[in-house]
Amino acid sequence: MAEVVHAPAKTDGIDLDYVRTLMAHFEPEDWQEGQELILSALQEINEHFGYVSVEAAEIVAERLGTTINRIYGLLTFYADFRTQPRGKHFMLMCHGMSCYVMGSQKLVQEMADKYGISDGGTTAGGELTIQVVNGCLGACNQSPVVKLDDDYHGRLTTESFNELVQRVIAETAQEQ
């Protein structure tokens, strides 16, 4: 009889075998310690894959002795966690008081009208994910401002915002 070889378990780009191997390093001695390790485990998965899938969250819940509801509550409470794959590039759009007064709401509307994406959405080609931050990015002197990957872009108008997004889309297409 031929040997059956199983392909690595992958769902939506997350290698579940990797998640299981990672979780094997988390050895809580009791329930309380398991609860204390949840955020660390989720952060490692989120950093490695860019998001935490339902299947990965289930593995974390099982290993650390908690419920999927608790895991999902943490994933949706903390803004740094994602539950869906994000684009190759990531933009934070400040919608704090200074940026709002200087027109960030026009950029949010432009994002919806021109690109068909809402807060947390990704462009159709997967080039860019945009997240609106209702807090402050700390660059009020450049309002309205966005942070694209690690770079700040300020004093944006709808025109300069569109130029920035189009440049990211074009550059990403050239990279592929």
N, C-alpha and C. Protein backbone atom coordinates (compact mmCIF):
# COMPACT_ATOMS: atom_id res chain seq x y z
N MET A 1 0.84 -1.18 0.00
CA MET A 1 0.00 0.00 0.00
C MET A 1 0.89 1.24 0.00
N ALA A 2 0.49 2.24 -0.77
CA ALA A 2 1.26 3.48 -0.88
C ALA A 2 1.12 4.30 0.40
N GLU A 3 2.20 5.00 0.73
CA GLU A 3 2.19 5.87 1.90
C GLU A 3 1.41 7.14 1.58
N VAL A 4 0.57 7.54 2.50
CA VAL A 4 -0.22 8.76 2.33
C VAL A 4 0.57 9.91 2.93
N VAL A 5 0.81 10.93 2.14
CA VAL A 5 1.52 12.11 2.60
C VAL A 5 0.53 13.26 2.62
N HIS A 6 0.41 13.89 3.77
CA HIS A 6 -0.53 15.01 3.91
C HIS A 6 0.18 16.32 3.60
N ALA A 7 -0.48 17.16 2.84
CA ALA A 7 0.05 18.50 2.56
C ALA A 7 -0.03 19.31 3.85
N PRO A 8 0.85 20.29 4.00
CA PRO A 8 0.77 21.15 5.19
C PRO A 8 -0.61 21.79 5.28
N ALA A 9 -1.12 21.87 6.49
CA ALA A 9 -2.44 22.47 6.69
C ALA A 9 -2.35 23.98 6.54
N LYS A 10 -2.95 24.50 5.50
CA LYS A 10 -2.95 25.95 5.27
C LYS A 10 -4.38 26.40 5.04
N THR A 11 -4.71 27.54 5.59
CA THR A 11 -5.99 28.17 5.32
C THR A 11 -5.73 29.64 5.13
N ASP A 12 -6.20 30.17 4.04
CA ASP A 12 -6.07 31.61 3.78
C ASP A 12 -4.65 32.13 4.01
N GLY A 13 -3.64 31.34 3.64
CA GLY A 13 -2.27 31.81 3.76
C GLY A 13 -1.63 31.58 5.11
N ILE A 14 -2.36 31.00 6.06
CA ILE A 14 -1.78 30.72 7.37
C ILE A 14 -1.45 29.24 7.45
N ASP A 15 -0.20 28.95 7.73
CA ASP A 15 0.26 27.57 7.87
C ASP A 15 -0.08 27.11 9.29
N LEU A 16 -1.12 26.29 9.40
CA LEU A 16 -1.57 25.86 10.72
C LEU A 16 -0.56 24.95 11.41
N ASP A 17 0.24 24.24 10.64
CA ASP A 17 1.30 23.44 11.26
C ASP A 17 2.30 24.35 11.96
N TYR A 18 2.60 25.50 11.35
CA TYR A 18 3.49 26.48 11.98
C TYR A 18 2.86 26.98 13.28
N VAL A 19 1.55 27.26 13.24
CA VAL A 19 0.85 27.75 14.43
C VAL A 19 0.91 26.70 15.54
N ARG A 20 0.68 25.44 15.18
CA ARG A 20 0.75 24.37 16.19
C ARG A 20 2.16 24.26 16.79
N THR A 21 3.17 24.37 15.93
CA THR A 21 4.56 24.31 16.41
C THR A 21 4.84 25.49 17.34
N LEU A 22 4.40 26.67 16.95
CA LEU A 22 4.56 27.86 17.78
C LEU A 22 3.88 27.66 19.13
N MET A 23 2.66 27.16 19.10
CA MET A 23 1.89 27.00 20.33
C MET A 23 2.47 25.93 21.24
N ALA A 24 3.24 25.00 20.69
CA ALA A 24 3.88 23.98 21.52
C ALA A 24 4.87 24.61 22.50
N HIS A 25 5.36 25.81 22.17
CA HIS A 25 6.30 26.51 23.05
C HIS A 25 5.59 27.21 24.21
N PHE A 26 4.28 27.32 24.13
CA PHE A 26 3.50 27.93 25.20
C PHE A 26 3.00 26.80 26.10
N GLU A 27 3.58 26.71 27.28
CA GLU A 27 3.24 25.63 28.20
C GLU A 27 2.76 26.21 29.52
N PRO A 28 1.49 26.61 29.57
CA PRO A 28 0.99 27.18 30.83
C PRO A 28 0.89 26.10 31.91
N GLU A 29 1.28 26.48 33.12
CA GLU A 29 1.20 25.54 34.25
C GLU A 29 -0.20 25.46 34.82
N ASP A 30 -0.97 26.52 34.62
CA ASP A 30 -2.34 26.51 35.11
C ASP A 30 -3.19 27.45 34.25
N TRP A 31 -4.47 27.52 34.57
CA TRP A 31 -5.41 28.32 33.78
C TRP A 31 -4.99 29.79 33.75
N GLN A 32 -4.61 30.33 34.90
CA GLN A 32 -4.24 31.74 34.99
C GLN A 32 -3.06 32.06 34.08
N GLU A 33 -2.05 31.22 34.09
CA GLU A 33 -0.89 31.46 33.23
C GLU A 33 -1.29 31.36 31.76
N GLY A 34 -2.21 30.45 31.45
CA GLY A 34 -2.71 30.34 30.07
C GLY A 34 -3.35 31.64 29.62
N GLN A 35 -4.12 32.26 30.50
CA GLN A 35 -4.77 33.53 30.18
C GLN A 35 -3.74 34.63 29.94
N GLU A 36 -2.66 34.58 30.71
CA GLU A 36 -1.61 35.59 30.59
C GLU A 36 -0.80 35.44 29.30
N LEU A 37 -0.81 34.27 28.71
CA LEU A 37 -0.04 34.01 27.49
C LEU A 37 -0.81 34.29 26.20
N ILE A 38 -2.11 34.50 26.31
CA ILE A 38 -2.95 34.66 25.12
C ILE A 38 -2.45 35.78 24.22
N LEU A 39 -2.26 36.97 24.76
CA LEU A 39 -1.85 38.10 23.93
C LEU A 39 -0.50 37.85 23.25
N SER A 40 0.44 37.26 23.97
CA SER A 40 1.75 36.97 23.37
C SER A 40 1.60 36.01 22.19
N ALA A 41 0.80 34.99 22.36
CA ALA A 41 0.60 34.02 21.27
C ALA A 41 -0.05 34.69 20.07
N LEU A 42 -1.09 35.48 20.31
CA LEU A 42 -1.78 36.16 19.21
C LEU A 42 -0.84 37.15 18.51
N GLN A 43 -0.01 37.86 19.28
CA GLN A 43 0.93 38.80 18.69
C GLN A 43 1.92 38.09 17.77
N GLU A 44 2.42 36.95 18.19
CA GLU A 44 3.38 36.22 17.36
C GLU A 44 2.75 35.78 16.05
N ILE A 45 1.54 35.27 16.11
CA ILE A 45 0.84 34.84 14.89
C ILE A 45 0.55 36.03 14.00
N ASN A 46 0.06 37.12 14.60
CA ASN A 46 -0.28 38.33 13.85
C ASN A 46 0.95 38.92 13.17
N GLU A 47 2.08 38.93 13.87
CA GLU A 47 3.31 39.47 13.28
C GLU A 47 3.82 38.59 12.15
N HIS A 48 3.72 37.29 12.31
CA HIS A 48 4.26 36.37 11.30
C HIS A 48 3.42 36.36 10.02
N PHE A 49 2.09 36.34 10.16
CA PHE A 49 1.20 36.20 9.01
C PHE A 49 0.50 37.50 8.62
N GLY A 50 0.53 38.50 9.49
CA GLY A 50 -0.17 39.76 9.21
C GLY A 50 -1.60 39.77 9.70
N TYR A 51 -2.09 38.63 10.18
CA TYR A 51 -3.44 38.53 10.73
C TYR A 51 -3.56 37.20 11.46
N VAL A 52 -4.68 37.01 12.17
CA VAL A 52 -4.96 35.76 12.87
C VAL A 52 -6.26 35.20 12.31
N SER A 53 -6.18 34.05 11.66
CA SER A 53 -7.37 33.42 11.08
C SER A 53 -8.20 32.76 12.19
N VAL A 54 -9.44 32.41 11.85
CA VAL A 54 -10.31 31.72 12.80
C VAL A 54 -9.66 30.41 13.24
N GLU A 55 -9.10 29.68 12.27
CA GLU A 55 -8.48 28.39 12.59
C GLU A 55 -7.29 28.55 13.53
N ALA A 56 -6.48 29.58 13.30
CA ALA A 56 -5.33 29.84 14.18
C ALA A 56 -5.82 30.24 15.58
N ALA A 57 -6.88 31.04 15.63
CA ALA A 57 -7.45 31.45 16.92
C ALA A 57 -7.97 30.24 17.69
N GLU A 58 -8.56 29.28 16.98
CA GLU A 58 -9.05 28.06 17.63
C GLU A 58 -7.91 27.25 18.23
N ILE A 59 -6.78 27.20 17.54
CA ILE A 59 -5.61 26.49 18.06
C ILE A 59 -5.10 27.16 19.33
N VAL A 60 -5.05 28.49 19.33
CA VAL A 60 -4.62 29.24 20.51
C VAL A 60 -5.57 28.97 21.68
N ALA A 61 -6.87 29.05 21.41
CA ALA A 61 -7.86 28.83 22.46
C ALA A 61 -7.72 27.44 23.08
N GLU A 62 -7.57 26.45 22.23
CA GLU A 62 -7.45 25.07 22.73
C GLU A 62 -6.18 24.89 23.56
N ARG A 63 -5.07 25.39 23.06
CA ARG A 63 -3.78 25.20 23.75
C ARG A 63 -3.73 25.93 25.08
N LEU A 64 -4.35 27.11 25.15
CA LEU A 64 -4.25 27.93 26.36
C LEU A 64 -5.47 27.82 27.26
N GLY A 65 -6.38 26.92 26.92
CA GLY A 65 -7.49 26.63 27.81
C GLY A 65 -8.50 27.74 27.95
N THR A 66 -8.85 28.34 26.82
CA THR A 66 -9.86 29.40 26.86
C THR A 66 -10.85 29.18 25.73
N THR A 67 -11.77 30.10 25.57
CA THR A 67 -12.80 29.96 24.54
C THR A 67 -12.45 30.79 23.31
N ILE A 68 -13.01 30.40 22.19
CA ILE A 68 -12.83 31.18 20.97
C ILE A 68 -13.46 32.57 21.14
N ASN A 69 -14.51 32.67 21.94
CA ASN A 69 -15.13 33.98 22.18
C ASN A 69 -14.16 34.93 22.88
N ARG A 70 -13.42 34.41 23.84
CA ARG A 70 -12.42 35.24 24.54
C ARG A 70 -11.34 35.69 23.56
N ILE A 71 -10.87 34.77 22.73
CA ILE A 71 -9.85 35.10 21.74
C ILE A 71 -10.38 36.16 20.78
N TYR A 72 -11.58 35.95 20.26
CA TYR A 72 -12.16 36.91 19.32
C TYR A 72 -12.36 38.27 19.98
N GLY A 73 -12.75 38.28 21.24
CA GLY A 73 -12.90 39.54 21.97
C GLY A 73 -11.60 40.32 22.01
N LEU A 74 -10.50 39.63 22.25
CA LEU A 74 -9.19 40.30 22.28
C LEU A 74 -8.77 40.75 20.89
N LEU A 75 -9.01 39.90 19.89
CA LEU A 75 -8.62 40.26 18.52
C LEU A 75 -9.36 41.49 18.02
N THR A 76 -10.59 41.66 18.44
CA THR A 76 -11.37 42.81 17.96
C THR A 76 -11.24 44.03 18.87
N PHE A 77 -10.76 43.84 20.09
CA PHE A 77 -10.58 44.97 21.00
C PHE A 77 -9.31 45.75 20.68
N TYR A 78 -8.23 45.05 20.42
CA TYR A 78 -6.94 45.70 20.16
C TYR A 78 -6.79 46.01 18.68
N ALA A 79 -6.53 47.28 18.37
CA ALA A 79 -6.46 47.73 16.98
C ALA A 79 -5.29 47.11 16.20
N ASP A 80 -4.26 46.65 16.87
CA ASP A 80 -3.10 46.10 16.17
C ASP A 80 -3.37 44.72 15.57
N PHE A 81 -4.40 44.04 16.07
CA PHE A 81 -4.70 42.71 15.54
C PHE A 81 -5.59 42.81 14.31
N ARG A 82 -5.37 41.88 13.39
CA ARG A 82 -6.21 41.79 12.20
C ARG A 82 -6.78 40.38 12.14
N THR A 83 -8.00 40.27 11.67
CA THR A 83 -8.63 38.96 11.51
C THR A 83 -8.81 38.61 10.04
N GLN A 84 -8.35 39.48 9.17
CA GLN A 84 -8.38 39.24 7.73
C GLN A 84 -7.01 39.59 7.16
N PRO A 85 -6.64 38.94 6.06
CA PRO A 85 -5.35 39.31 5.45
C PRO A 85 -5.34 40.78 5.08
N ARG A 86 -4.20 41.41 5.20
CA ARG A 86 -4.12 42.81 4.82
C ARG A 86 -3.26 42.94 3.58
N GLY A 87 -3.34 44.12 2.98
CA GLY A 87 -2.61 44.38 1.76
C GLY A 87 -1.10 44.38 1.96
N LYS A 88 -0.41 44.42 0.85
CA LYS A 88 1.06 44.43 0.89
C LYS A 88 1.56 45.66 1.65
N HIS A 89 0.85 46.77 1.52
CA HIS A 89 1.18 48.00 2.25
C HIS A 89 0.04 48.33 3.20
N PHE A 90 0.37 49.06 4.26
CA PHE A 90 -0.61 49.37 5.29
C PHE A 90 -0.60 50.87 5.59
N MET A 91 -1.78 51.47 5.54
CA MET A 91 -1.90 52.91 5.79
C MET A 91 -2.81 53.15 6.99
N LEU A 92 -2.31 53.95 7.93
CA LEU A 92 -3.12 54.44 9.02
C LEU A 92 -3.55 55.86 8.66
N MET A 93 -4.84 56.12 8.69
CA MET A 93 -5.37 57.43 8.35
C MET A 93 -5.85 58.10 9.63
N CYS A 94 -5.18 59.17 10.03
CA CYS A 94 -5.55 59.87 11.25
C CYS A 94 -6.90 60.57 11.08
N HIS A 95 -7.76 60.36 12.07
CA HIS A 95 -9.07 60.99 12.08
C HIS A 95 -9.29 61.66 13.44
N GLY A 96 -8.15 62.01 14.08
CA GLY A 96 -8.20 62.71 15.36
C GLY A 96 -8.69 64.14 15.16
N MET A 97 -8.81 64.87 16.24
CA MET A 97 -9.42 66.20 16.21
C MET A 97 -8.75 67.14 15.20
N SER A 98 -7.44 67.27 15.26
CA SER A 98 -6.75 68.19 14.36
C SER A 98 -6.92 67.77 12.90
N CYS A 99 -6.75 66.49 12.64
CA CYS A 99 -6.89 66.01 11.25
C CYS A 99 -8.33 66.14 10.77
N TYR A 100 -9.28 65.88 11.67
CA TYR A 100 -10.68 66.01 11.30
C TYR A 100 -11.00 67.45 10.91
N VAL A 101 -10.56 68.39 11.74
CA VAL A 101 -10.80 69.81 11.47
C VAL A 101 -10.16 70.23 10.14
N MET A 102 -9.02 69.62 9.81
CA MET A 102 -8.30 69.98 8.59
C MET A 102 -8.73 69.15 7.37
N GLY A 103 -9.75 68.30 7.52
CA GLY A 103 -10.32 67.66 6.34
C GLY A 103 -10.14 66.16 6.19
N SER A 104 -9.79 65.45 7.25
CA SER A 104 -9.60 64.00 7.09
C SER A 104 -10.89 63.30 6.69
N GLN A 105 -12.04 63.88 7.05
CA GLN A 105 -13.31 63.25 6.66
C GLN A 105 -13.45 63.20 5.14
N LYS A 106 -12.86 64.17 4.43
CA LYS A 106 -12.88 64.14 2.96
C LYS A 106 -12.05 62.97 2.44
N LEU A 107 -10.95 62.66 3.12
CA LEU A 107 -10.10 61.54 2.72
C LEU A 107 -10.82 60.21 2.97
N VAL A 108 -11.51 60.12 4.10
CA VAL A 108 -12.28 58.91 4.41
C VAL A 108 -13.36 58.72 3.35
N GLN A 109 -14.03 59.80 2.97
CA GLN A 109 -15.08 59.71 1.94
C GLN A 109 -14.48 59.34 0.59
N GLU A 110 -13.33 59.91 0.27
CA GLU A 110 -12.65 59.60 -1.00
C GLU A 110 -12.27 58.12 -1.05
N MET A 111 -11.82 57.60 0.06
CA MET A 111 -11.45 56.20 0.17
C MET A 111 -12.65 55.31 -0.19
N ALA A 112 -13.82 55.67 0.32
CA ALA A 112 -15.03 54.90 0.04
C ALA A 112 -15.51 55.11 -1.39
N ASP A 113 -15.55 56.37 -1.83
CA ASP A 113 -16.08 56.68 -3.16
C ASP A 113 -15.19 56.16 -4.29
N LYS A 114 -13.91 56.42 -4.21
CA LYS A 114 -13.02 56.10 -5.32
C LYS A 114 -12.51 54.66 -5.30
N TYR A 115 -12.27 54.13 -4.09
CA TYR A 115 -11.66 52.80 -4.00
C TYR A 115 -12.62 51.74 -3.47
N GLY A 116 -13.80 52.17 -3.05
CA GLY A 116 -14.82 51.22 -2.60
C GLY A 116 -14.46 50.48 -1.33
N ILE A 117 -13.64 51.09 -0.50
CA ILE A 117 -13.27 50.42 0.74
C ILE A 117 -13.59 51.29 1.94
N SER A 118 -13.99 50.63 3.01
CA SER A 118 -14.26 51.33 4.25
C SER A 118 -13.12 51.06 5.22
N ASP A 119 -13.25 51.56 6.41
CA ASP A 119 -12.21 51.41 7.43
C ASP A 119 -11.80 49.95 7.57
N GLY A 120 -10.50 49.71 7.47
CA GLY A 120 -9.98 48.35 7.57
C GLY A 120 -9.99 47.58 6.27
N GLY A 121 -10.48 48.22 5.22
CA GLY A 121 -10.60 47.55 3.92
C GLY A 121 -9.30 47.54 3.14
N THR A 122 -9.29 46.69 2.14
CA THR A 122 -8.12 46.51 1.29
C THR A 122 -8.51 46.75 -0.16
N THR A 123 -7.62 47.37 -0.93
CA THR A 123 -7.89 47.60 -2.35
C THR A 123 -8.13 46.26 -3.04
N ALA A 124 -8.86 46.31 -4.14
CA ALA A 124 -9.27 45.09 -4.84
C ALA A 124 -8.09 44.21 -5.22
N GLY A 125 -6.96 44.82 -5.56
CA GLY A 125 -5.78 44.05 -5.94
C GLY A 125 -4.90 43.62 -4.78
N GLY A 126 -5.30 43.96 -3.56
CA GLY A 126 -4.53 43.57 -2.38
C GLY A 126 -3.28 44.39 -2.13
N GLU A 127 -3.17 45.54 -2.79
CA GLU A 127 -1.97 46.36 -2.65
C GLU A 127 -1.92 47.12 -1.33
N LEU A 128 -3.08 47.57 -0.83
CA LEU A 128 -3.09 48.51 0.27
C LEU A 128 -4.30 48.28 1.18
N THR A 129 -4.03 48.23 2.47
CA THR A 129 -5.09 48.21 3.47
C THR A 129 -5.06 49.55 4.19
N ILE A 130 -6.24 50.13 4.38
CA ILE A 130 -6.33 51.43 5.04
C ILE A 130 -7.17 51.30 6.30
N GLN A 131 -6.61 51.79 7.41
CA GLN A 131 -7.31 51.77 8.68
C GLN A 131 -7.42 53.19 9.21
N VAL A 132 -8.64 53.59 9.56
CA VAL A 132 -8.87 54.91 10.14
C VAL A 132 -8.58 54.84 11.63
N VAL A 133 -7.80 55.81 12.12
CA VAL A 133 -7.45 55.88 13.53
C VAL A 133 -8.18 57.06 14.13
N ASN A 134 -9.09 56.80 15.07
CA ASN A 134 -9.84 57.89 15.68
C ASN A 134 -9.03 58.60 16.76
N GLY A 135 -7.92 58.04 17.12
CA GLY A 135 -6.99 58.70 18.03
C GLY A 135 -6.10 59.62 17.23
N CYS A 136 -4.89 59.80 17.69
CA CYS A 136 -3.96 60.73 17.05
C CYS A 136 -2.69 60.01 16.65
N LEU A 137 -2.17 60.33 15.48
CA LEU A 137 -0.89 59.77 15.04
C LEU A 137 0.29 60.61 15.52
N GLY A 138 0.01 61.73 16.18
CA GLY A 138 1.08 62.54 16.74
C GLY A 138 1.80 63.43 15.75
N ALA A 139 1.14 63.74 14.65
CA ALA A 139 1.75 64.62 13.65
C ALA A 139 0.76 65.72 13.29
N CYS A 140 0.20 66.34 14.32
CA CYS A 140 -0.86 67.33 14.14
C CYS A 140 -0.43 68.53 13.30
N ASN A 141 0.86 68.83 13.30
CA ASN A 141 1.33 69.96 12.51
C ASN A 141 1.29 69.66 11.01
N GLN A 142 0.96 68.42 10.63
CA GLN A 142 0.88 68.05 9.22
C GLN A 142 -0.54 67.65 8.83
N SER A 143 -1.52 68.01 9.63
CA SER A 143 -2.91 67.57 9.40
C SER A 143 -3.45 67.98 8.05
N PRO A 144 -4.28 67.13 7.44
CA PRO A 144 -4.52 65.73 7.78
C PRO A 144 -3.35 64.86 7.33
N VAL A 145 -3.10 63.81 8.12
CA VAL A 145 -1.90 63.00 7.90
C VAL A 145 -2.26 61.51 7.83
N VAL A 146 -1.46 60.78 7.06
CA VAL A 146 -1.55 59.32 7.04
C VAL A 146 -0.14 58.77 7.28
N LYS A 147 -0.11 57.57 7.78
CA LYS A 147 1.17 56.86 7.94
C LYS A 147 1.11 55.66 7.01
N LEU A 148 1.94 55.68 5.99
CA LEU A 148 2.00 54.60 5.01
C LEU A 148 3.22 53.76 5.33
N ASP A 149 2.99 52.53 5.76
CA ASP A 149 4.04 51.66 6.27
C ASP A 149 4.76 52.42 7.39
N ASP A 150 5.97 52.89 7.18
CA ASP A 150 6.69 53.60 8.24
C ASP A 150 6.85 55.09 7.98
N ASP A 151 6.25 55.59 6.90
CA ASP A 151 6.44 56.99 6.51
C ASP A 151 5.17 57.80 6.67
N TYR A 152 5.33 59.02 7.19
CA TYR A 152 4.21 59.94 7.35
C TYR A 152 4.07 60.81 6.10
N HIS A 153 2.82 61.06 5.71
CA HIS A 153 2.51 61.95 4.59
C HIS A 153 1.45 62.92 5.09
N GLY A 154 1.77 64.21 5.05
CA GLY A 154 0.87 65.17 5.65
C GLY A 154 0.40 66.26 4.72
N ARG A 155 -0.49 67.10 5.30
CA ARG A 155 -1.14 68.20 4.58
C ARG A 155 -1.79 67.68 3.30
N LEU A 156 -2.47 66.55 3.45
CA LEU A 156 -3.07 65.89 2.29
C LEU A 156 -4.37 66.55 1.86
N THR A 157 -4.55 66.58 0.57
CA THR A 157 -5.82 66.95 -0.04
C THR A 157 -6.35 65.67 -0.68
N THR A 158 -7.56 65.70 -1.19
CA THR A 158 -8.05 64.50 -1.87
C THR A 158 -7.16 64.19 -3.07
N GLU A 159 -6.65 65.22 -3.73
CA GLU A 159 -5.78 65.00 -4.89
C GLU A 159 -4.46 64.34 -4.48
N SER A 160 -3.81 64.89 -3.46
CA SER A 160 -2.52 64.30 -3.05
C SER A 160 -2.71 62.92 -2.42
N PHE A 161 -3.86 62.70 -1.76
CA PHE A 161 -4.17 61.38 -1.22
C PHE A 161 -4.30 60.37 -2.36
N ASN A 162 -5.05 60.75 -3.41
CA ASN A 162 -5.21 59.86 -4.56
C ASN A 162 -3.88 59.58 -5.25
N GLU A 163 -3.04 60.60 -5.37
CA GLU A 163 -1.71 60.40 -5.97
C GLU A 163 -0.91 59.39 -5.17
N LEU A 164 -0.97 59.49 -3.85
CA LEU A 164 -0.24 58.57 -2.98
C LEU A 164 -0.76 57.14 -3.15
N VAL A 165 -2.07 56.98 -3.12
CA VAL A 165 -2.66 55.64 -3.27
C VAL A 165 -2.34 55.07 -4.64
N GLN A 166 -2.47 55.88 -5.68
CA GLN A 166 -2.18 55.39 -7.04
C GLN A 166 -0.70 55.00 -7.19
N ARG A 167 0.18 55.75 -6.54
CA ARG A 167 1.61 55.43 -6.60
C ARG A 167 1.88 54.09 -5.93
N VAL A 168 1.25 53.86 -4.79
CA VAL A 168 1.42 52.58 -4.08
C VAL A 168 0.91 51.43 -4.94
N ILE A 169 -0.25 51.61 -5.56
CA ILE A 169 -0.82 50.56 -6.41
C ILE A 169 0.11 50.27 -7.58
N ALA A 170 0.60 51.33 -8.24
CA ALA A 170 1.48 51.16 -9.40
C ALA A 170 2.81 50.50 -9.00
N GLU A 171 3.41 50.96 -7.91
CA GLU A 171 4.69 50.39 -7.47
C GLU A 171 4.54 48.93 -7.07
N THR A 172 3.43 48.60 -6.44
CA THR A 172 3.19 47.22 -6.04
C THR A 172 3.03 46.32 -7.26
N ALA A 173 2.35 46.84 -8.28
CA ALA A 173 2.18 46.07 -9.52
C ALA A 173 3.53 45.81 -10.18
N GLN A 174 4.43 46.80 -10.15
CA GLN A 174 5.76 46.63 -10.75
C GLN A 174 6.61 45.62 -9.98
N GLU A 175 6.40 45.55 -8.66
CA GLU A 175 7.17 44.61 -7.83
C GLU A 175 6.80 43.16 -8.12
N GLN A 176 5.59 42.95 -8.60
CA GLN A 176 5.12 41.58 -8.81
C GLN A 176 5.49 41.07 -10.13
